[in-house]
Amino acid sequence: ADFPFPAHGKAFSLVFDRLHLTLYERRSHERVLADTPFALGPYQDTNPSHHTPSKEELKKVDAIFEETQSEEDYWYFASKDGHGETHYRGPCLGSSLIVWLGEGRDHAHAHRGGEADCLQMTTRQIQDFEAAVERELPGLYSFFDQGSLHVTLRGIT
């Protein structure tokens, strides 16, 4: 199946002007007890090509991506304990430093290939991806609420 995400290797970055310290009741952030935003300094350079990751970081990303290329290896990693729905949706108090992606949140803006792309496009692509997975593998996966979409920069607890 063709999934509606950009091919590996294309430029993609998130530009944001604030981080959020959250106290959550679920790791998925579908239940958040407290959300404290922290404004960052003004962002001067919006050209993602000026922020190219180091070769070392690219190798790390490539190694993770390669795990998905072998069906046998993928299922080994995907089926490890802790990657199930209950891990993310079960009750668990914790705190993280995040960037919100979900609609209706104080969110990041996506940039692809040097051109600004609105967050609506990013969340629409995630929704299209979820729909494609559901068509190909009906009932096999659960997806988190769109409003809880985020990138965890650092787990605090």
C-alpha atoms as a PDB file:
ATOM      1  CA  ALA A   1       0.000   0.000   0.000  1.00  0.00           C
ATOM      2  CA  ASP A   2       1.112   3.527  -0.655  1.00  0.00           C
ATOM      3  CA  PHE A   3       0.928   5.588   2.495  1.00  0.00           C
ATOM      4  CA  PRO A   4       0.525   9.378   2.197  1.00  0.00           C
ATOM      5  CA  PHE A   5       3.756  10.420   3.916  1.00  0.00           C
ATOM      6  CA  PRO A   6       6.799  11.962   2.250  1.00  0.00           C
ATOM      7  CA  ALA A   7       9.439   9.487   1.143  1.00  0.00           C
ATOM      8  CA  HIS A   8      12.407   8.906   3.420  1.00  0.00           C
ATOM      9  CA  GLY A   9      15.178  11.396   2.820  1.00  0.00           C
ATOM     10  CA  LYS A  10      13.012  14.419   2.046  1.00  0.00           C
ATOM     11  CA  ALA A  11      13.518  17.437   4.252  1.00  0.00           C
ATOM     12  CA  PHE A  12      11.050  17.689   7.087  1.00  0.00           C
ATOM     13  CA  SER A  13      11.345  19.722  10.237  1.00  0.00           C
ATOM     14  CA  LEU A  14       9.119  21.240  12.865  1.00  0.00           C
ATOM     15  CA  VAL A  15       9.538  24.858  13.834  1.00  0.00           C
ATOM     16  CA  PHE A  16       8.073  25.880  17.159  1.00  0.00           C
ATOM     17  CA  ASP A  17       8.280  28.860  19.486  1.00  0.00           C
ATOM     18  CA  ARG A  18       7.268  27.189  22.729  1.00  0.00           C
ATOM     19  CA  LEU A  19       7.614  23.974  24.633  1.00  0.00           C
ATOM     20  CA  HIS A  20       5.077  22.540  27.045  1.00  0.00           C
ATOM     21  CA  LEU A  21       5.739  20.927  30.383  1.00  0.00           C
ATOM     22  CA  THR A  22       2.875  18.503  30.875  1.00  0.00           C
ATOM     23  CA  LEU A  23       1.603  16.465  33.766  1.00  0.00           C
ATOM     24  CA  TYR A  24      -0.296  13.624  32.158  1.00  0.00           C
ATOM     25  CA  GLU A  25      -2.603  10.866  33.298  1.00  0.00           C
ATOM     26  CA  ARG A  26      -1.926   8.807  30.163  1.00  0.00           C
ATOM     27  CA  ARG A  27       1.356   8.547  28.239  1.00  0.00           C
ATOM     28  CA  SER A  28      -0.619   9.207  25.046  1.00  0.00           C
ATOM     29  CA  HIS A  29      -1.463  12.679  26.399  1.00  0.00           C
ATOM     30  CA  GLU A  30      -5.145  11.972  25.832  1.00  0.00           C
ATOM     31  CA  ARG A  31      -5.583  12.986  29.485  1.00  0.00           C
ATOM     32  CA  VAL A  32      -3.456  15.918  30.612  1.00  0.00           C
ATOM     33  CA  LEU A  33      -3.795  17.287  34.135  1.00  0.00           C
ATOM     34  CA  ALA A  34      -1.561  20.345  33.682  1.00  0.00           C
ATOM     35  CA  ASP A  35       0.037  22.018  30.676  1.00  0.00           C
ATOM     36  CA  THR A  36       2.528  24.836  31.183  1.00  0.00           C
ATOM     37  CA  PRO A  37       3.886  26.532  28.043  1.00  0.00           C
ATOM     38  CA  PHE A  38       7.419  27.951  27.938  1.00  0.00           C
ATOM     39  CA  ALA A  39       8.060  30.515  25.240  1.00  0.00           C
ATOM     40  CA  LEU A  40      11.346  30.248  23.385  1.00  0.00           C
ATOM     41  CA  GLY A  41      13.277  33.163  21.945  1.00  0.00           C
ATOM     42  CA  PRO A  42      12.319  34.532  18.543  1.00  0.00           C
ATOM     43  CA  TYR A  43      13.079  32.190  15.664  1.00  0.00           C
ATOM     44  CA  GLN A  44      15.134  34.100  13.131  1.00  0.00           C
ATOM     45  CA  ASP A  45      15.852  31.564  10.389  1.00  0.00           C
ATOM     46  CA  THR A  46      12.880  29.682   8.931  1.00  0.00           C
ATOM     47  CA  ASN A  47      14.890  27.902   6.235  1.00  0.00           C
ATOM     48  CA  PRO A  48      15.116  24.238   7.357  1.00  0.00           C
ATOM     49  CA  SER A  49      18.067  23.609   5.024  1.00  0.00           C
ATOM     50  CA  HIS A  50      20.166  25.737   7.390  1.00  0.00           C
ATOM     51  CA  HIS A  51      19.569  23.219  10.152  1.00  0.00           C
ATOM     52  CA  THR A  52      20.896  20.052   8.561  1.00  0.00           C
ATOM     53  CA  PRO A  53      21.398  17.215  11.061  1.00  0.00           C
ATOM     54  CA  SER A  54      24.915  15.913  11.543  1.00  0.00           C
ATOM     55  CA  LYS A  55      26.052  12.747   9.764  1.00  0.00           C
ATOM     56  CA  GLU A  56      26.011  10.963  13.126  1.00  0.00           C
ATOM     57  CA  GLU A  57      22.358  11.896  13.709  1.00  0.00           C
ATOM     58  CA  LEU A  58      21.410  10.877  10.171  1.00  0.00           C
ATOM     59  CA  LYS A  59      23.017   7.462  10.755  1.00  0.00           C
ATOM     60  CA  LYS A  60      20.886   7.015  13.886  1.00  0.00           C
ATOM     61  CA  VAL A  61      17.719   7.879  11.963  1.00  0.00           C
ATOM     62  CA  ASP A  62      18.721   5.567   9.102  1.00  0.00           C
ATOM     63  CA  ALA A  63      19.291   2.697  11.565  1.00  0.00           C
ATOM     64  CA  ILE A  64      15.776   3.150  12.977  1.00  0.00           C
ATOM     65  CA  PHE A  65      14.293   3.399   9.477  1.00  0.00           C
ATOM     66  CA  GLU A  66      16.146   0.239   8.393  1.00  0.00           C
ATOM     67  CA  GLU A  67      14.378  -1.707  11.158  1.00  0.00           C
ATOM     68  CA  THR A  68      11.158  -1.284   9.182  1.00  0.00           C
ATOM     69  CA  GLN A  69      12.596  -2.630   5.921  1.00  0.00           C
ATOM     70  CA  SER A  70      12.811  -6.270   6.980  1.00  0.00           C
ATOM     71  CA  GLU A  71       9.353  -7.682   7.712  1.00  0.00           C
ATOM     72  CA  GLU A  72      10.839 -10.181  10.179  1.00  0.00           C
ATOM     73  CA  ASP A  73      12.839  -7.538  12.056  1.00  0.00           C
ATOM     74  CA  TYR A  74       9.949  -5.061  12.014  1.00  0.00           C
ATOM     75  CA  TRP A  75       7.546  -7.460  13.718  1.00  0.00           C
ATOM     76  CA  TYR A  76      10.218  -8.352  16.288  1.00  0.00           C
ATOM     77  CA  PHE A  77      10.662  -4.706  17.304  1.00  0.00           C
ATOM     78  CA  ALA A  78       6.975  -3.761  16.984  1.00  0.00           C
ATOM     79  CA  SER A  79       5.827  -6.639  19.187  1.00  0.00           C
ATOM     80  CA  LYS A  80       8.166  -5.935  22.101  1.00  0.00           C
ATOM     81  CA  ASP A  81       6.580  -5.404  25.494  1.00  0.00           C
ATOM     82  CA  GLY A  82       5.699  -1.791  26.183  1.00  0.00           C
ATOM     83  CA  HIS A  83       4.599  -0.942  22.654  1.00  0.00           C
ATOM     84  CA  GLY A  84       0.969  -1.921  23.128  1.00  0.00           C
ATOM     85  CA  GLU A  85      -2.051   0.316  23.413  1.00  0.00           C
ATOM     86  CA  THR A  86      -2.418  -0.263  27.161  1.00  0.00           C
ATOM     87  CA  HIS A  87       1.101   1.090  27.734  1.00  0.00           C
ATOM     88  CA  TYR A  88       0.077   4.454  26.261  1.00  0.00           C
ATOM     89  CA  ARG A  89      -3.614   4.545  27.250  1.00  0.00           C
ATOM     90  CA  GLY A  90      -3.428   2.949  30.682  1.00  0.00           C
ATOM     91  CA  PRO A  91      -3.361   5.082  33.824  1.00  0.00           C
ATOM     92  CA  CYS A  92       0.091   6.483  34.467  1.00  0.00           C
ATOM     93  CA  LEU A  93       1.012   9.777  36.076  1.00  0.00           C
ATOM     94  CA  GLY A  94       4.024  11.374  34.502  1.00  0.00           C
ATOM     95  CA  SER A  95       5.558  14.517  33.133  1.00  0.00           C
ATOM     96  CA  SER A  96       7.106  15.355  29.769  1.00  0.00           C
ATOM     97  CA  LEU A  97       8.530  18.253  27.832  1.00  0.00           C
ATOM     98  CA  ILE A  98       6.627  18.245  24.531  1.00  0.00           C
ATOM     99  CA  VAL A  99       5.596  20.132  21.410  1.00  0.00           C
ATOM    100  CA  TRP A 100       1.880  19.865  20.617  1.00  0.00           C
ATOM    101  CA  LEU A 101       0.881  18.851  17.102  1.00  0.00           C
ATOM    102  CA  GLY A 102      -2.823  18.241  17.632  1.00  0.00           C
ATOM    103  CA  GLU A 103      -5.496  20.538  16.290  1.00  0.00           C
ATOM    104  CA  GLY A 104      -6.768  23.139  18.711  1.00  0.00           C
ATOM    105  CA  ARG A 105      -3.471  23.226  20.569  1.00  0.00           C
ATOM    106  CA  ASP A 106      -0.672  25.755  20.790  1.00  0.00           C
ATOM    107  CA  HIS A 107       1.212  23.877  18.133  1.00  0.00           C
ATOM    108  CA  ALA A 108       4.264  23.647  15.944  1.00  0.00           C
ATOM    109  CA  HIS A 109       4.387  24.518  12.262  1.00  0.00           C
ATOM    110  CA  ALA A 110       5.637  21.937   9.807  1.00  0.00           C
ATOM    111  CA  HIS A 111       8.201  22.759   7.154  1.00  0.00           C
ATOM    112  CA  ARG A 112       8.992  20.521   4.232  1.00  0.00           C
ATOM    113  CA  GLY A 113      11.607  21.082   1.561  1.00  0.00           C
ATOM    114  CA  GLY A 114      12.214  24.683   2.543  1.00  0.00           C
ATOM    115  CA  GLU A 115       8.601  25.756   2.118  1.00  0.00           C
ATOM    116  CA  ALA A 116       6.334  26.423   5.064  1.00  0.00           C
ATOM    117  CA  ASP A 117       3.529  23.907   5.293  1.00  0.00           C
ATOM    118  CA  CYS A 118       0.648  24.578   7.648  1.00  0.00           C
ATOM    119  CA  LEU A 119      -0.056  22.262  10.550  1.00  0.00           C
ATOM    120  CA  GLN A 120      -3.440  21.434   9.034  1.00  0.00           C
ATOM    121  CA  MET A 121      -1.624  19.674   6.192  1.00  0.00           C
ATOM    122  CA  THR A 122       0.468  17.682   8.654  1.00  0.00           C
ATOM    123  CA  THR A 123      -2.526  16.558  10.716  1.00  0.00           C
ATOM    124  CA  ARG A 124      -4.444  15.793   7.504  1.00  0.00           C
ATOM    125  CA  GLN A 125      -1.551  13.575   6.382  1.00  0.00           C
ATOM    126  CA  ILE A 126      -1.619  11.773   9.725  1.00  0.00           C
ATOM    127  CA  GLN A 127      -5.384  11.262   9.345  1.00  0.00           C
ATOM    128  CA  ASP A 128      -4.901   9.999   5.756  1.00  0.00           C
ATOM    129  CA  PHE A 129      -2.178   7.624   6.966  1.00  0.00           C
ATOM    130  CA  GLU A 130      -4.445   6.283   9.714  1.00  0.00           C
ATOM    131  CA  ALA A 131      -7.254   5.763   7.174  1.00  0.00           C
ATOM    132  CA  ALA A 132      -4.884   3.922   4.808  1.00  0.00           C
ATOM    133  CA  VAL A 133      -3.686   1.642   7.617  1.00  0.00           C
ATOM    134  CA  GLU A 134      -7.289   0.939   8.646  1.00  0.00           C
ATOM    135  CA  ARG A 135      -8.211   0.073   5.035  1.00  0.00           C
ATOM    136  CA  GLU A 136      -5.246  -2.306   4.672  1.00  0.00           C
ATOM    137  CA  LEU A 137      -5.329  -3.772   8.195  1.00  0.00           C
ATOM    138  CA  PRO A 138      -8.862  -3.233   9.529  1.00  0.00           C
ATOM    139  CA  GLY A 139      -9.141  -3.293  13.306  1.00  0.00           C
ATOM    140  CA  LEU A 140      -5.493  -4.194  13.869  1.00  0.00           C
ATOM    141  CA  TYR A 141      -4.323  -0.782  15.122  1.00  0.00           C
ATOM    142  CA  SER A 142      -5.736   1.848  17.464  1.00  0.00           C
ATOM    143  CA  PHE A 143      -4.985   5.504  16.927  1.00  0.00           C
ATOM    144  CA  PHE A 144      -4.751   8.242  19.519  1.00  0.00           C
ATOM    145  CA  ASP A 145      -7.089  11.217  19.579  1.00  0.00           C
ATOM    146  CA  GLN A 146      -5.972  13.894  17.103  1.00  0.00           C
ATOM    147  CA  GLY A 147      -5.933  16.500  19.881  1.00  0.00           C
ATOM    148  CA  SER A 148      -3.309  14.526  21.778  1.00  0.00           C
ATOM    149  CA  LEU A 149      -0.726  14.405  18.978  1.00  0.00           C
ATOM    150  CA  HIS A 150       2.633  15.614  20.217  1.00  0.00           C
ATOM    151  CA  VAL A 151       6.377  15.136  19.983  1.00  0.00           C
ATOM    152  CA  THR A 152       8.066  14.250  23.261  1.00  0.00           C
ATOM    153  CA  LEU A 153      11.391  16.014  23.543  1.00  0.00           C
ATOM    154  CA  ARG A 154      12.173  14.665  26.988  1.00  0.00           C
ATOM    155  CA  GLY A 155      10.411  12.474  29.477  1.00  0.00           C
ATOM    156  CA  ILE A 156      10.688  14.135  32.887  1.00  0.00           C
ATOM    157  CA  THR A 157       9.374  11.221  34.994  1.00  0.00           C
END
